[in-house]
Amino acid sequence: MKKQEFRPDRFRNDTLGKLLLTKKQRQTVLRWTLYSLVCLIGLIVQDVVMSRVSVFGGTTDLVPALIFAVCVLQGGESSCIFALTASVIYQFSGSAPGPYSIVLITFLSVIAAIFRQGYLRKGFSSLMLCCTVGLFLYELAIFGIGVFLGYTMGARFPVFLITAALTLVVLPVVYPILLSIGKIGGETWKE
């Protein structure tokens, strides 16, 4: 007869082992944390640097573009909570045009992600197409709400289009960063 039929569990002294997260779950947490940091850095760059650069009255709108890009890269299923959380943080940062931007960013980014996941292949051109459409719809909606609430005039419509165009010029710069972050933990979406 044996003394012990079962071996006792090994005692783990590290704090990550006590969290009871698998390696894949830790990588997923790391990926979404890095995406959040990129959006936070985009918010800081937008408020500190890019808000001082103006071309014909328009400037960039980095945070919505980054949220759109992350959502389109990750697909609709896993990015809807990120879009909602990031847009709420964007609103509470004081940089968003109003509380309606929470609904606009969340809705448009999830729709863009679902459209791309359903109809387009994963790649730079599909990301740019979805982000372009999403960003122009976002700027048009912000303009329409601004005119309705009396915050802006109809004559400032070209400024909103310039803002969307300038933001799309910046998006290819951050694409390789977002793509490399998206590869942490493996692909979430198989085509």
Protein backbone atom coordinates (compact mmCIF):
# COMPACT_ATOMS: atom_id res chain seq x y z
CA MET A 1 0.00 0.00 0.00
CA LYS A 2 1.24 3.46 -0.87
CA LYS A 3 1.59 6.23 1.63
CA GLN A 4 0.03 8.88 -0.55
CA GLU A 5 -2.11 7.99 -3.43
CA PHE A 6 -2.34 11.58 -4.70
CA ARG A 7 0.41 14.08 -4.89
CA PRO A 8 -0.34 17.41 -3.23
CA ASP A 9 -0.50 20.52 -5.37
CA ARG A 10 2.68 22.49 -5.70
CA PHE A 11 2.77 25.67 -3.71
CA ARG A 12 3.27 28.72 -5.92
CA ASN A 13 4.82 31.78 -4.38
CA ASP A 14 4.44 34.23 -7.27
CA THR A 15 1.62 36.74 -7.34
CA LEU A 16 0.63 36.02 -10.96
CA GLY A 17 -0.01 32.39 -10.03
CA LYS A 18 -2.42 33.50 -7.32
CA LEU A 19 -4.51 35.42 -9.84
CA LEU A 20 -5.40 32.11 -11.46
CA LEU A 21 -5.06 33.47 -14.97
CA THR A 22 -3.78 31.32 -17.77
CA LYS A 23 -0.96 32.53 -19.99
CA LYS A 24 -3.41 33.34 -22.80
CA GLN A 25 -5.62 35.35 -20.44
CA ARG A 26 -2.62 37.34 -19.21
CA GLN A 27 -1.63 38.06 -22.82
CA THR A 28 -5.17 39.21 -23.58
CA VAL A 29 -5.10 41.56 -20.60
CA LEU A 30 -1.71 42.87 -21.77
CA ARG A 31 -3.04 43.45 -25.30
CA TRP A 32 -6.06 45.46 -24.15
CA THR A 33 -3.94 47.38 -21.64
CA LEU A 34 -1.51 48.37 -24.41
CA TYR A 35 -4.42 49.40 -26.64
CA SER A 36 -5.69 51.58 -23.79
CA LEU A 37 -2.25 53.12 -23.35
CA VAL A 38 -2.04 53.92 -27.07
CA CYS A 39 -5.42 55.68 -26.85
CA LEU A 40 -4.29 57.55 -23.73
CA ILE A 41 -1.07 58.64 -25.44
CA GLY A 42 -3.16 59.67 -28.46
CA LEU A 43 -5.35 61.77 -26.17
CA ILE A 44 -2.29 63.47 -24.65
CA VAL A 45 -0.70 64.11 -28.05
CA GLN A 46 -4.00 65.46 -29.36
CA ASP A 47 -4.50 67.86 -26.46
CA VAL A 48 -0.89 69.00 -26.07
CA VAL A 49 0.60 69.01 -29.57
CA MET A 50 -1.95 68.52 -32.33
CA SER A 51 -4.50 70.99 -30.97
CA ARG A 52 -1.98 73.76 -31.71
CA VAL A 53 -1.55 72.67 -35.33
CA SER A 54 -4.32 74.00 -37.52
CA VAL A 55 -4.78 73.68 -41.28
CA PHE A 56 -7.55 75.94 -42.63
CA GLY A 57 -9.16 75.84 -39.18
CA GLY A 58 -9.15 72.04 -38.87
CA THR A 59 -6.99 69.86 -36.67
CA THR A 60 -6.79 66.14 -35.98
CA ASP A 61 -9.19 64.07 -33.91
CA LEU A 62 -6.92 61.22 -32.86
CA VAL A 63 -8.88 59.47 -30.11
CA PRO A 64 -11.96 58.52 -32.17
CA ALA A 65 -9.67 57.39 -35.00
CA LEU A 66 -7.64 55.20 -32.64
CA ILE A 67 -10.79 53.70 -31.14
CA PHE A 68 -12.13 52.98 -34.65
CA ALA A 69 -8.82 51.39 -35.67
CA VAL A 70 -8.60 49.17 -32.57
CA CYS A 71 -12.18 48.02 -32.99
CA VAL A 72 -11.77 47.28 -36.69
CA LEU A 73 -8.57 45.33 -36.00
CA GLN A 74 -10.06 43.27 -33.18
CA GLY A 75 -13.53 42.59 -34.56
CA GLY A 76 -16.95 43.49 -33.24
CA GLU A 77 -17.26 40.78 -30.65
CA SER A 78 -14.28 41.64 -28.50
CA SER A 79 -14.08 45.36 -29.09
CA CYS A 80 -17.54 46.65 -28.19
CA ILE A 81 -16.71 46.94 -24.48
CA PHE A 82 -13.41 48.64 -25.34
CA ALA A 83 -15.20 51.17 -27.56
CA LEU A 84 -17.70 52.01 -24.84
CA THR A 85 -15.07 52.29 -22.11
CA ALA A 86 -12.65 54.31 -24.23
CA SER A 87 -15.36 56.72 -25.38
CA VAL A 88 -16.53 57.25 -21.78
CA ILE A 89 -12.94 58.01 -20.73
CA TYR A 90 -12.63 60.33 -23.74
CA GLN A 91 -15.76 62.17 -22.61
CA PHE A 92 -14.58 62.47 -19.00
CA SER A 93 -11.18 63.74 -20.12
CA GLY A 94 -12.85 66.94 -21.26
CA SER A 95 -11.65 66.65 -24.86
CA ALA A 96 -14.81 65.20 -26.37
CA PRO A 97 -17.25 67.59 -28.00
CA GLY A 98 -20.12 66.40 -25.81
CA PRO A 99 -21.73 63.39 -24.14
CA TYR A 100 -23.28 62.36 -27.45
CA SER A 101 -19.80 61.37 -28.61
CA ILE A 102 -19.99 58.30 -26.35
CA VAL A 103 -22.91 56.90 -28.33
CA LEU A 104 -21.49 57.97 -31.68
CA ILE A 105 -18.02 56.50 -31.18
CA THR A 106 -19.32 53.25 -29.69
CA PHE A 107 -21.99 52.70 -32.32
CA LEU A 108 -19.88 53.64 -35.35
CA SER A 109 -16.81 51.70 -34.24
CA VAL A 110 -18.76 48.52 -33.56
CA ILE A 111 -20.64 48.82 -36.87
CA ALA A 112 -17.35 49.38 -38.72
CA ALA A 113 -15.79 46.37 -36.98
CA ILE A 114 -18.75 44.11 -37.75
CA PHE A 115 -18.85 45.27 -41.38
CA ARG A 116 -15.16 44.60 -41.86
CA GLN A 117 -15.31 41.25 -40.13
CA GLY A 118 -18.30 40.19 -42.20
CA TYR A 119 -17.43 41.48 -45.64
CA LEU A 120 -13.75 42.43 -45.94
CA ARG A 121 -10.41 40.73 -45.48
CA LYS A 122 -8.09 41.70 -42.70
CA GLY A 123 -5.54 44.22 -43.95
CA PHE A 124 -4.48 47.83 -44.15
CA SER A 125 -6.83 48.82 -46.98
CA SER A 126 -9.91 47.42 -45.25
CA LEU A 127 -8.90 49.13 -41.99
CA MET A 128 -8.48 52.46 -43.78
CA LEU A 129 -11.80 52.07 -45.61
CA CYS A 130 -13.75 51.31 -42.43
CA CYS A 131 -11.97 54.01 -40.42
CA THR A 132 -12.51 56.56 -43.22
CA VAL A 133 -16.23 55.90 -43.41
CA GLY A 134 -16.57 55.77 -39.62
CA LEU A 135 -14.57 58.95 -39.08
CA PHE A 136 -16.42 60.94 -41.75
CA LEU A 137 -19.78 59.79 -40.34
CA TYR A 138 -18.59 60.74 -36.85
CA GLU A 139 -17.49 64.21 -37.98
CA LEU A 140 -20.74 64.71 -39.92
CA ALA A 141 -22.78 63.71 -36.87
CA ILE A 142 -20.74 65.98 -34.59
CA PHE A 143 -21.26 68.82 -37.08
CA GLY A 144 -25.00 68.15 -37.33
CA ILE A 145 -25.42 68.04 -33.56
CA GLY A 146 -23.33 71.19 -33.21
CA VAL A 147 -25.51 73.05 -35.71
CA PHE A 148 -28.69 71.76 -34.06
CA LEU A 149 -27.53 72.83 -30.59
CA GLY A 150 -26.19 76.15 -31.86
CA TYR A 151 -22.52 75.44 -31.09
CA THR A 152 -21.36 75.99 -34.66
CA MET A 153 -22.53 77.47 -37.95
CA GLY A 154 -23.27 75.75 -41.23
CA ALA A 155 -20.43 77.65 -42.89
CA ARG A 156 -17.90 75.70 -40.81
CA PHE A 157 -18.74 72.41 -42.57
CA PRO A 158 -15.43 72.29 -44.52
CA VAL A 159 -13.51 72.52 -41.24
CA PHE A 160 -15.07 69.25 -40.08
CA LEU A 161 -14.14 67.58 -43.36
CA ILE A 162 -10.57 68.89 -43.05
CA THR A 163 -10.40 67.50 -39.52
CA ALA A 164 -11.44 64.06 -40.74
CA ALA A 165 -8.94 64.19 -43.62
CA LEU A 166 -6.05 65.29 -41.37
CA THR A 167 -6.86 62.52 -38.92
CA LEU A 168 -6.80 59.94 -41.70
CA VAL A 169 -3.34 61.14 -42.71
CA VAL A 170 -2.07 60.32 -39.20
CA LEU A 171 -3.71 56.88 -39.05
CA PRO A 172 -1.15 55.02 -41.22
CA VAL A 173 1.56 56.08 -38.77
CA VAL A 174 -0.07 54.24 -35.86
CA TYR A 175 -1.24 51.23 -37.88
CA PRO A 176 1.98 49.18 -37.43
CA ILE A 177 1.89 49.81 -33.68
CA LEU A 178 -1.73 48.70 -33.39
CA LEU A 179 -1.09 45.69 -35.62
CA SER A 180 1.85 44.51 -33.51
CA ILE A 181 -0.15 44.94 -30.29
CA GLY A 182 -2.97 42.92 -31.85
CA LYS A 183 -0.65 39.96 -32.36
CA ILE A 184 -0.02 39.59 -28.62
CA GLY A 185 -1.74 36.46 -27.44
CA GLY A 186 -2.47 35.13 -30.91
CA GLU A 187 -5.08 36.04 -33.47
CA THR A 188 -8.57 36.58 -32.09
CA TRP A 189 -10.24 36.24 -35.44
CA LYS A 190 -9.64 33.49 -37.97
CA GLU A 191 -10.69 34.16 -41.55
